[in-house]
Amino acid sequence: MIRAQTRTEPDLVAEAACHDARTLTEGANTALIVLDGQVYTLRITHAGKLILTK
């Protein structure tokens, strides 16, 4: 049996932090994110999509 999902918003794990991408980029289109000494670039496209690159 297949059940349809009726929720419109995904469940968030209580321990997970939620950040607005536009706040992270401080009004620009990109933000640098560091994880374990590696630098990643978070970019907001013209279509409003997110791209994360190393």
N, C-alpha and C. Protein backbone atom coordinates (compact mmCIF):
# COMPACT_ATOMS: atom_id res chain seq x y z
N MET A 1 0.84 -1.18 0.00
CA MET A 1 0.00 0.00 0.00
C MET A 1 0.88 1.24 0.00
N ILE A 2 0.57 2.20 -0.85
CA ILE A 2 1.31 3.45 -0.92
C ILE A 2 0.48 4.54 -0.26
N ARG A 3 1.12 5.25 0.65
CA ARG A 3 0.43 6.33 1.36
C ARG A 3 0.91 7.67 0.84
N ALA A 4 0.01 8.57 0.62
CA ALA A 4 0.37 9.92 0.19
C ALA A 4 0.82 10.72 1.40
N GLN A 5 1.86 11.49 1.20
CA GLN A 5 2.32 12.35 2.28
C GLN A 5 1.49 13.62 2.27
N THR A 6 0.91 13.96 3.42
CA THR A 6 0.00 15.10 3.48
C THR A 6 0.64 16.34 4.06
N ARG A 7 1.83 16.24 4.60
CA ARG A 7 2.47 17.41 5.19
C ARG A 7 3.05 18.30 4.10
N THR A 8 2.97 19.61 4.31
CA THR A 8 3.51 20.55 3.34
C THR A 8 4.93 20.97 3.69
N GLU A 9 5.35 20.81 4.95
CA GLU A 9 6.69 21.17 5.38
C GLU A 9 7.38 19.94 5.93
N PRO A 10 8.69 19.79 5.61
CA PRO A 10 9.40 18.63 6.14
C PRO A 10 9.60 18.74 7.65
N ASP A 11 9.69 17.60 8.32
CA ASP A 11 9.99 17.60 9.75
C ASP A 11 11.43 18.04 9.95
N LEU A 12 11.67 18.86 10.94
CA LEU A 12 13.03 19.27 11.26
C LEU A 12 13.47 18.55 12.52
N VAL A 13 14.68 18.05 12.51
CA VAL A 13 15.25 17.40 13.68
C VAL A 13 15.50 18.48 14.72
N ALA A 14 15.17 18.20 15.95
CA ALA A 14 15.28 19.19 17.02
C ALA A 14 16.70 19.74 17.16
N GLU A 15 17.70 18.91 16.91
CA GLU A 15 19.09 19.35 17.07
C GLU A 15 19.62 20.09 15.85
N ALA A 16 18.92 20.06 14.74
CA ALA A 16 19.41 20.67 13.51
C ALA A 16 19.25 22.19 13.57
N ALA A 17 20.28 22.89 13.11
CA ALA A 17 20.20 24.34 13.03
C ALA A 17 19.61 24.70 11.67
N CYS A 18 18.80 25.72 11.65
CA CYS A 18 18.18 26.17 10.41
C CYS A 18 18.63 27.60 10.15
N HIS A 19 19.21 27.84 8.97
CA HIS A 19 19.72 29.16 8.63
C HIS A 19 19.14 29.61 7.30
N ASP A 20 18.77 30.85 7.20
CA ASP A 20 18.28 31.41 5.95
C ASP A 20 19.47 31.68 5.04
N ALA A 21 19.42 31.19 3.81
CA ALA A 21 20.54 31.34 2.87
C ALA A 21 20.84 32.80 2.58
N ARG A 22 19.80 33.62 2.51
CA ARG A 22 20.03 35.03 2.21
C ARG A 22 20.70 35.75 3.40
N THR A 23 20.47 35.25 4.60
CA THR A 23 21.17 35.80 5.76
C THR A 23 22.63 35.37 5.74
N LEU A 24 22.89 34.12 5.37
CA LEU A 24 24.27 33.65 5.28
C LEU A 24 25.08 34.43 4.25
N THR A 25 24.45 34.80 3.15
CA THR A 25 25.17 35.53 2.11
C THR A 25 25.17 37.04 2.36
N GLU A 26 24.50 37.49 3.40
CA GLU A 26 24.45 38.90 3.78
C GLU A 26 24.02 39.78 2.62
N GLY A 27 23.02 39.34 1.87
CA GLY A 27 22.49 40.13 0.77
C GLY A 27 23.21 39.94 -0.56
N ALA A 28 24.33 39.23 -0.55
CA ALA A 28 25.06 38.96 -1.79
C ALA A 28 24.55 37.64 -2.37
N ASN A 29 25.26 37.12 -3.35
CA ASN A 29 24.87 35.85 -3.96
C ASN A 29 25.69 34.67 -3.48
N THR A 30 26.78 34.94 -2.74
CA THR A 30 27.65 33.84 -2.30
C THR A 30 28.02 33.98 -0.83
N ALA A 31 28.33 32.83 -0.23
CA ALA A 31 28.85 32.79 1.14
C ALA A 31 29.91 31.70 1.19
N LEU A 32 30.95 31.93 1.95
CA LEU A 32 31.98 30.91 2.15
C LEU A 32 31.66 30.17 3.44
N ILE A 33 31.75 28.85 3.37
CA ILE A 33 31.46 27.99 4.52
C ILE A 33 32.67 27.10 4.74
N VAL A 34 33.15 27.02 5.97
CA VAL A 34 34.32 26.20 6.28
C VAL A 34 33.89 25.00 7.10
N LEU A 35 34.37 23.82 6.69
CA LEU A 35 34.10 22.58 7.40
C LEU A 35 35.39 21.77 7.44
N ASP A 36 35.89 21.52 8.64
CA ASP A 36 37.12 20.75 8.84
C ASP A 36 38.28 21.26 7.99
N GLY A 37 38.42 22.58 7.93
CA GLY A 37 39.52 23.18 7.20
C GLY A 37 39.30 23.30 5.70
N GLN A 38 38.20 22.79 5.19
CA GLN A 38 37.88 22.87 3.77
C GLN A 38 36.91 24.03 3.54
N VAL A 39 37.14 24.82 2.51
CA VAL A 39 36.29 25.97 2.22
C VAL A 39 35.33 25.60 1.09
N TYR A 40 34.06 25.86 1.32
CA TYR A 40 33.01 25.61 0.34
C TYR A 40 32.34 26.94 0.00
N THR A 41 31.82 27.04 -1.20
CA THR A 41 31.10 28.23 -1.63
C THR A 41 29.63 27.88 -1.81
N LEU A 42 28.78 28.62 -1.12
CA LEU A 42 27.33 28.50 -1.28
C LEU A 42 26.89 29.64 -2.18
N ARG A 43 26.22 29.30 -3.29
CA ARG A 43 25.81 30.33 -4.24
C ARG A 43 24.31 30.25 -4.48
N ILE A 44 23.67 31.41 -4.51
CA ILE A 44 22.26 31.51 -4.85
C ILE A 44 22.20 31.89 -6.33
N THR A 45 21.55 31.08 -7.15
CA THR A 45 21.45 31.35 -8.58
C THR A 45 20.36 32.37 -8.86
N HIS A 46 20.30 32.84 -10.11
CA HIS A 46 19.26 33.78 -10.51
C HIS A 46 17.87 33.15 -10.41
N ALA A 47 17.83 31.82 -10.52
CA ALA A 47 16.54 31.11 -10.43
C ALA A 47 16.16 30.82 -8.98
N GLY A 48 16.99 31.25 -8.02
CA GLY A 48 16.67 31.03 -6.61
C GLY A 48 17.05 29.66 -6.10
N LYS A 49 17.93 28.96 -6.81
CA LYS A 49 18.42 27.64 -6.38
C LYS A 49 19.73 27.81 -5.64
N LEU A 50 20.08 26.80 -4.85
CA LEU A 50 21.35 26.82 -4.12
C LEU A 50 22.34 25.86 -4.74
N ILE A 51 23.61 26.29 -4.86
CA ILE A 51 24.68 25.44 -5.35
C ILE A 51 25.80 25.51 -4.32
N LEU A 52 26.26 24.34 -3.86
CA LEU A 52 27.36 24.25 -2.92
C LEU A 52 28.53 23.59 -3.63
N THR A 53 29.67 24.29 -3.71
CA THR A 53 30.85 23.74 -4.38
C THR A 53 32.06 23.82 -3.46
N LYS A 54 33.02 22.96 -3.72
CA LYS A 54 34.25 22.92 -2.94
C LYS A 54 35.31 23.72 -3.63
